[in-house]
């Protein structure tokens, strides 16, 4: 019975898995922030290129 209780106490006090989970969560949040930033920047750059392309096509003679 003591071995069983000792195993449970060791399992509860072991925080190695918690550290790995925290790092995994941190990496996930950073990746999500990068994806949101790239998506917003990509839309902004696309709008800028489309605006410039329409200005150039209007400036050229037919």
C-alpha atoms as a PDB file:
ATOM      1  CA  UNK A   1       0.000   0.000   0.000  1.00  0.00           C
ATOM      2  CA  UNK A   2       2.882   2.380   0.765  1.00  0.00           C
ATOM      3  CA  UNK A   3       4.313   1.838  -2.710  1.00  0.00           C
ATOM      4  CA  UNK A   4       0.958   2.726  -4.237  1.00  0.00           C
ATOM      5  CA  UNK A   5       0.674   5.931  -2.179  1.00  0.00           C
ATOM      6  CA  UNK A   6       4.286   6.840  -2.915  1.00  0.00           C
ATOM      7  CA  UNK A   7       3.609   6.429  -6.647  1.00  0.00           C
ATOM      8  CA  UNK A   8       0.581   8.717  -6.435  1.00  0.00           C
ATOM      9  CA  UNK A   9       2.514  11.384  -4.496  1.00  0.00           C
ATOM     10  CA  UNK A  10       5.369  11.213  -6.996  1.00  0.00           C
ATOM     11  CA  UNK A  11       2.933  11.529  -9.895  1.00  0.00           C
ATOM     12  CA  UNK A  12       1.201  14.547  -8.357  1.00  0.00           C
ATOM     13  CA  UNK A  13       4.452  16.323  -7.484  1.00  0.00           C
ATOM     14  CA  UNK A  14       6.016  15.756 -10.935  1.00  0.00           C
ATOM     15  CA  UNK A  15       5.685  18.983 -12.930  1.00  0.00           C
ATOM     16  CA  UNK A  16       7.741  18.054 -15.984  1.00  0.00           C
ATOM     17  CA  UNK A  17       4.655  17.467 -18.110  1.00  0.00           C
ATOM     18  CA  UNK A  18       3.169  20.779 -16.999  1.00  0.00           C
ATOM     19  CA  UNK A  19       6.256  22.634 -18.210  1.00  0.00           C
ATOM     20  CA  UNK A  20       6.029  20.988 -21.620  1.00  0.00           C
ATOM     21  CA  UNK A  21       2.346  21.872 -21.832  1.00  0.00           C
ATOM     22  CA  UNK A  22       3.095  25.491 -20.931  1.00  0.00           C
ATOM     23  CA  UNK A  23       5.742  25.726 -23.645  1.00  0.00           C
ATOM     24  CA  UNK A  24       3.352  24.159 -26.125  1.00  0.00           C
ATOM     25  CA  UNK A  25       0.670  26.692 -25.236  1.00  0.00           C
ATOM     26  CA  UNK A  26       3.164  29.542 -25.527  1.00  0.00           C
ATOM     27  CA  UNK A  27       4.332  28.384 -28.973  1.00  0.00           C
ATOM     28  CA  UNK A  28       0.710  28.039 -30.096  1.00  0.00           C
ATOM     29  CA  UNK A  29      -0.166  31.566 -28.967  1.00  0.00           C
ATOM     30  CA  UNK A  30       2.910  33.049 -30.665  1.00  0.00           C
ATOM     31  CA  UNK A  31       2.107  31.210 -33.904  1.00  0.00           C
ATOM     32  CA  UNK A  32      -1.482  32.450 -33.744  1.00  0.00           C
ATOM     33  CA  UNK A  33      -0.312  36.040 -33.253  1.00  0.00           C
ATOM     34  CA  UNK A  34       2.046  35.727 -36.230  1.00  0.00           C
ATOM     35  CA  UNK A  35      -0.728  34.314 -38.426  1.00  0.00           C
ATOM     36  CA  UNK A  36      -3.120  37.120 -37.513  1.00  0.00           C
ATOM     37  CA  UNK A  37      -0.431  39.720 -38.174  1.00  0.00           C
ATOM     38  CA  UNK A  38       0.520  38.228 -41.530  1.00  0.00           C
ATOM     39  CA  UNK A  39      -3.117  37.980 -42.597  1.00  0.00           C
ATOM     40  CA  UNK A  40      -3.766  41.623 -41.715  1.00  0.00           C
ATOM     41  CA  UNK A  41      -0.566  42.774 -43.397  1.00  0.00           C
ATOM     42  CA  UNK A  42      -1.277  40.668 -46.481  1.00  0.00           C
ATOM     43  CA  UNK A  43      -4.715  42.222 -46.907  1.00  0.00           C
ATOM     44  CA  UNK A  44      -3.279  45.702 -46.493  1.00  0.00           C
ATOM     45  CA  UNK A  45      -0.499  45.105 -49.033  1.00  0.00           C
ATOM     46  CA  UNK A  46      -2.956  43.538 -51.491  1.00  0.00           C
ATOM     47  CA  UNK A  47      -5.192  46.599 -51.274  1.00  0.00           C
ATOM     48  CA  UNK A  48      -2.183  48.856 -51.819  1.00  0.00           C
ATOM     49  CA  UNK A  49      -1.049  46.952 -54.936  1.00  0.00           C
ATOM     50  CA  UNK A  50      -4.575  46.895 -56.373  1.00  0.00           C
ATOM     51  CA  UNK A  51      -4.937  50.627 -55.810  1.00  0.00           C
ATOM     52  CA  UNK A  52      -1.610  51.344 -57.503  1.00  0.00           C
ATOM     53  CA  UNK A  53      -2.449  49.020 -60.409  1.00  0.00           C
ATOM     54  CA  UNK A  54      -5.737  50.816 -61.044  1.00  0.00           C
ATOM     55  CA  UNK A  55      -4.008  54.210 -60.923  1.00  0.00           C
ATOM     56  CA  UNK A  56      -1.382  53.080 -63.422  1.00  0.00           C
ATOM     57  CA  UNK A  57      -3.999  51.618 -65.790  1.00  0.00           C
ATOM     58  CA  UNK A  58      -6.003  54.862 -65.624  1.00  0.00           C
ATOM     59  CA  UNK A  59      -2.896  56.941 -66.360  1.00  0.00           C
ATOM     60  CA  UNK A  60      -1.957  54.945 -69.477  1.00  0.00           C
ATOM     61  CA  UNK A  61      -3.602  55.884 -72.769  1.00  0.00           C
ATOM     62  CA  UNK A  62      -5.999  53.291 -74.210  1.00  0.00           C
END
